[in-house]
Structures are given as C-alpha cells and as structure tokens.
Protein backbone atom coordinates (compact mmCIF):
# COMPACT_ATOMS: atom_id res chain seq x y z
CA MET A 1 58.40 78.95 153.03
CA MET A 2 58.96 81.57 155.68
CA LYS A 3 59.77 84.21 153.00
CA LYS A 4 56.50 83.45 151.18
CA LYS A 5 54.55 83.81 154.41
CA LEU A 6 56.20 87.14 155.20
CA TYR A 7 55.50 88.35 151.66
CA LYS A 8 51.81 87.45 151.92
CA ASN A 9 51.55 89.15 155.32
CA SER A 10 53.19 92.27 153.89
CA LEU A 11 50.69 92.37 151.03
CA LEU A 12 47.80 91.95 153.47
CA LEU A 13 49.09 94.77 155.66
CA LEU A 14 49.56 97.03 152.63
CA SER A 15 46.01 96.37 151.43
CA ILE A 16 44.62 97.23 154.87
CA VAL A 17 46.59 100.49 155.02
CA VAL A 18 45.44 101.49 151.52
CA GLY A 19 41.85 100.65 152.39
CA VAL A 20 41.92 102.77 155.53
CA TYR A 21 43.50 105.65 153.61
CA LEU A 22 40.91 105.57 150.84
CA SER A 23 38.02 105.39 153.27
CA ALA A 24 39.42 108.41 155.10
CA CYS A 25 39.76 110.45 151.89
CA LYS A 26 36.17 111.66 151.72
CA LYS A 27 35.04 114.61 149.60
CA SER A 28 35.52 116.95 152.56
CA ASP A 29 39.28 116.26 152.40
CA SER A 30 39.55 117.33 148.77
CA PRO A 31 40.81 120.85 148.00
CA TYR A 32 38.14 121.02 145.28
CA TYR A 33 35.20 119.98 147.45
CA ASN A 34 33.98 123.55 147.88
CA TYR A 35 34.02 124.13 144.12
CA THR A 36 30.57 123.44 142.78
CA ASN A 37 28.62 123.90 139.58
CA THR A 38 25.25 123.28 141.17
CA VAL A 39 23.01 126.27 141.77
CA GLN A 40 22.72 127.31 145.41
CA ASN A 41 19.70 129.47 146.19
CA PHE A 42 19.66 132.37 148.62
CA LYS A 43 16.46 134.24 149.47
CA GLY A 44 17.42 137.88 149.19
CA SER A 45 19.46 140.23 147.04
CA ALA A 46 23.17 140.00 146.31
CA ILE A 47 23.79 142.64 148.96
CA ASP A 48 21.77 140.60 151.46
CA TYR A 49 23.93 137.58 150.72
CA LEU A 50 27.15 139.53 151.27
CA LYS A 51 25.83 140.81 154.59
CA SER A 52 24.91 137.27 155.64
CA LYS A 53 28.58 136.21 155.52
CA PRO A 54 30.42 138.11 158.28
CA ASN A 55 34.22 138.09 158.20
CA THR A 56 34.12 137.28 154.49
CA PHE A 57 32.86 140.32 152.57
CA ASP A 58 33.33 143.14 155.11
CA SER A 59 35.84 144.99 152.92
CA LEU A 60 33.67 144.65 149.82
CA LEU A 61 30.67 146.01 151.71
CA LEU A 62 32.75 148.93 153.00
CA VAL A 63 33.69 149.86 149.44
CA LEU A 64 30.14 149.35 148.15
CA ASN A 65 28.81 151.74 150.81
CA ARG A 66 30.89 154.48 149.18
CA PHE A 67 29.09 154.00 145.85
CA PRO A 68 25.26 153.93 146.18
CA ASP A 69 24.67 153.35 142.45
CA ILE A 70 26.76 150.19 142.40
CA LYS A 71 25.22 149.03 145.65
CA ASP A 72 21.79 149.54 144.09
CA SER A 73 22.83 147.36 141.14
CA LEU A 74 23.57 144.53 143.55
CA THR A 75 20.18 145.06 145.16
CA ASN A 76 17.82 145.59 142.24
CA ARG A 77 19.47 144.85 138.89
CA GLN A 78 20.18 141.55 137.14
CA VAL A 79 23.95 141.13 137.42
CA THR A 80 26.74 138.60 137.91
CA LEU A 81 29.14 139.31 140.77
CA PHE A 82 32.64 137.91 141.02
CA ALA A 83 32.92 138.63 144.71
CA PRO A 84 36.32 139.49 146.21
CA VAL A 85 36.80 138.38 149.83
CA ASN A 86 38.51 140.24 152.67
CA GLU A 87 41.90 138.69 151.90
CA ASN A 88 41.82 140.10 148.36
CA PHE A 89 41.60 143.65 149.70
CA ALA A 90 44.02 143.14 152.61
CA ALA A 91 46.86 142.03 150.35
CA ALA A 92 46.31 144.92 147.94
CA VAL A 93 46.14 147.56 150.70
CA LYS A 94 49.22 146.14 152.45
CA TYR A 95 51.39 146.29 149.34
CA LEU A 96 50.14 149.77 148.42
CA ASN A 97 51.06 151.18 151.82
CA GLN A 98 54.43 149.45 151.86
CA THR A 99 55.15 151.21 148.58
CA ARG A 100 53.89 154.56 149.87
CA LYS A 101 55.85 154.27 153.12
CA ALA A 102 59.06 153.71 151.19
CA LYS A 103 58.33 157.00 149.40
CA GLY A 104 57.49 158.87 152.60
CA LYS A 105 53.79 159.10 151.73
CA LYS A 106 50.81 158.76 154.06
CA PRO A 107 48.89 155.46 154.00
CA VAL A 108 45.73 155.05 151.95
CA TYR A 109 42.82 152.85 152.98
CA LEU A 110 39.57 151.68 151.40
CA SER A 111 37.65 154.34 153.31
CA ASN A 112 39.66 157.26 151.88
CA ALA A 113 41.08 155.95 148.58
CA ASP A 114 40.49 158.03 145.47
CA PRO A 115 36.83 157.35 144.61
CA THR A 116 37.24 157.53 140.83
CA GLU A 117 40.03 154.96 140.76
CA LEU A 118 38.42 152.73 143.38
CA LEU A 119 35.08 152.74 141.55
CA PHE A 120 36.75 151.80 138.27
CA MET A 121 38.43 148.79 139.90
CA LEU A 122 35.28 147.78 141.78
CA SER A 123 33.19 147.80 138.62
CA LYS A 124 35.42 145.12 137.07
CA TYR A 125 33.82 142.57 139.37
CA ILE A 126 30.20 143.18 138.36
CA ILE A 127 29.01 141.92 134.97
CA ARG A 128 25.81 142.86 133.16
CA GLY A 129 23.23 140.05 133.17
CA ASN A 130 22.44 137.26 135.60
CA ASN A 131 24.58 134.38 134.29
CA THR A 132 25.31 130.90 135.65
CA THR A 133 28.11 128.68 134.31
CA ASP A 134 25.86 127.36 131.54
CA ILE A 135 26.61 130.44 129.45
CA TYR A 136 30.40 129.87 129.68
CA ALA A 137 30.53 126.07 129.57
CA GLY A 138 29.70 125.86 125.87
CA SER A 139 32.81 127.80 124.80
CA VAL A 140 36.23 126.16 124.78
CA ASP A 141 37.99 129.52 124.78
CA GLY A 142 35.61 131.31 127.13
CA ILE A 143 33.64 134.48 126.44
CA SER A 144 33.90 138.22 127.05
CA LEU A 145 31.16 140.10 128.87
CA ASN A 146 30.85 143.75 129.85
CA THR A 147 30.82 145.37 133.27
CA VAL A 148 27.87 147.35 134.60
CA LEU A 149 29.32 150.85 134.61
CA SER A 150 31.62 151.38 131.66
CA ASN A 151 30.95 148.29 129.52
CA TYR A 152 34.52 147.27 130.27
CA PRO A 153 35.13 143.79 128.80
CA MET A 154 36.14 140.96 131.15
CA HIS A 155 36.81 137.36 130.13
CA ILE A 156 35.22 134.29 131.74
CA LYS A 157 36.21 130.70 131.05
CA ALA A 158 34.75 127.53 132.58
CA ILE A 159 37.33 124.93 133.59
CA LYS A 160 36.45 121.32 134.33
CA GLU A 161 38.64 119.91 137.09
CA ASN A 162 40.00 116.37 136.99
CA ALA A 163 38.64 113.83 139.45
CA SER A 164 38.86 110.11 140.21
CA GLY A 165 41.31 109.53 137.38
CA PHE A 166 39.08 111.11 134.74
CA VAL A 167 40.37 114.13 132.86
CA GLY A 168 37.70 116.82 133.04
CA GLY A 169 35.51 114.62 135.21
CA GLY A 170 35.39 116.87 138.26
CA ALA A 171 33.63 120.02 139.33
CA THR A 172 33.58 123.24 137.30
CA THR A 173 35.50 126.37 138.29
CA LEU A 174 35.78 129.71 136.52
CA GLU A 175 38.78 131.68 135.33
CA TYR A 176 38.05 135.41 135.49
CA SER A 177 40.41 137.67 133.57
CA ASP A 178 41.08 141.34 132.96
CA MET A 179 42.23 141.40 129.34
CA PHE A 180 43.44 145.02 129.45
CA GLY A 181 42.21 145.40 125.88
CA SER A 182 44.55 142.69 124.56
CA SER A 183 43.77 139.47 122.69
CA ILE A 184 47.09 138.00 123.85
CA GLN A 185 46.53 135.96 127.00
CA LEU A 186 50.05 136.61 128.27
CA ASN A 187 48.93 140.21 128.83
CA TRP A 188 45.92 139.21 130.90
CA VAL A 189 45.64 139.01 134.69
CA THR A 190 43.57 135.99 135.69
CA THR A 191 42.04 134.81 138.94
CA ASN A 192 39.97 131.76 139.87
CA THR A 193 36.79 131.09 141.78
CA ASN A 194 36.43 129.29 145.09
CA ALA A 195 32.65 128.84 144.74
CA ILE A 196 30.24 129.44 141.88
CA ASN A 197 26.55 129.72 140.97
CA ILE A 198 25.20 131.17 144.19
CA LYS A 199 21.77 132.40 143.08
CA THR A 200 20.13 135.36 144.78
CA ASN A 201 16.90 137.15 143.85
CA ASN A 202 18.69 139.39 141.36
CA ALA A 203 22.19 138.02 140.81
CA THR A 204 24.53 135.09 140.47
CA ILE A 205 27.54 135.26 142.77
CA ASN A 206 30.90 133.60 142.16
CA ILE A 207 33.40 133.88 145.03
CA LEU A 208 37.05 134.51 144.19
CA THR A 209 40.03 132.68 145.63
CA PRO A 210 41.74 134.45 148.57
CA LEU A 211 44.97 134.53 146.53
CA HIS A 212 43.60 137.23 144.21
CA ASN A 213 44.77 140.83 144.64
CA PHE A 214 41.87 143.25 144.32
CA GLY A 215 42.20 145.47 141.26
CA PHE A 216 43.88 142.91 138.99
CA ASP A 217 47.37 144.16 139.89
CA GLU A 218 46.39 147.80 139.33
CA PHE A 219 45.60 148.74 142.93
CA THR A 220 48.98 150.27 143.74
CA TYR A 221 49.39 151.86 140.32
CA ARG A 222 46.01 153.61 140.50
CA LEU A 223 46.09 154.67 144.16
CA ASP A 224 49.72 155.64 144.57
CA GLN A 225 49.36 158.95 142.77
C-alpha cells in the first residue's frame, strides 16, 4: 500500500516538473526563434537598414564605402543581399593575419586590402533581383542566381526546419552556397541565414550566421599575395 502511494506521488511530482518545464520553453528559448519566413518591412534603402543596426554591420559598411558602385546598388537598385555581420569579417581577417605573421608579412585589414580581390568577394553577397523566399521554396534542390557585378552564379536553397515533432513543420531558413563552378555539392562552400525576408525600399536582406567566414574560405587565399 505504501509503495503504491509513493509511486503515485512520484508520478504526480514528475508531471508537475514536466509541466513547469514546458511552460518555460517559450518560443524565445528556441534557437530557431529568430529564423523567420515572414516579410519584415523597413522604410528606407538596404544601406539605410545596415546603418540602422550599429555593432552588426560596421565591417560591411566599411567595405561598401570603398566601392561606391556597389553601395549605389544597395541604395537604388533592386537586389537581394545576403548580409555578412561583423563576426564574419573578424574571423576572416584574424586568420589571414595569423597566416601572414607566420610568413613575416605585414597585416592586412579591410581598409587597405587589395580592392580588386575584396570587391570580387563582396559581390558574391549581392544577387540581381529583389527576391523573397517564395522564389526558392518551390525548388527541392534550390536555384542558382547571378551576382550584380560579374554575373557570378550563387546557389540558394530554402530549408524547412523541424518543429513540435513535425518534420519540416518549422520556420524556413536559407542555405547560401558558392558553387565554385562545380555541380558537385562536395565542392561547394555553404553558409546559413540567421534571419530572412527583411524588405527595404529596394532590396530583400537575409542575414548570415556569425559562423560564416567572409569570402567563402577564399579570404586568405586572395589577400595573402
């Protein structure tokens, strides 16, 4: 009799603990909460949006200021921006200068890096046309679109996250890949988005994860010359 009573009390306690845990696990606790496939509207150009987020896009703005034509595209043309954040640049610059130091070379920074190489890498993040996820969602394998300067092909694939026990029932994120001219995915370098579908007057902005290295693993190769 006593064992049955203890067993029932244990079950009651377990149910209370589980209930408290589930009530505490709100959307804000989810690592995917900031991923969204709903359109967020910003009144202003893509450049205006970047400027409105201090401590997030400072490095990107520094690089854009070196290239007026690209900056103009983000102000006046219809484009899609896969926006690298400060961390993306910091990691790339750090590794480059570690490599250069080991060779006895002077450090290179975003303000004095070779403009031709830097511009080529920067252009990979700006796609022709103002596209939300609707254009990618219909393709299982994703699609290739060209960059603004050199018509360089980049690959975009919409991924549906899992949620609440349903496969593909969560929010949408994007995989953004440099294919390096290859149809074999093993040769691609891929990054993911941390936020998508931010609509400005002239562009759609998708923000990249801080884990991405600016330049799609080419930063050191191109600037350590």
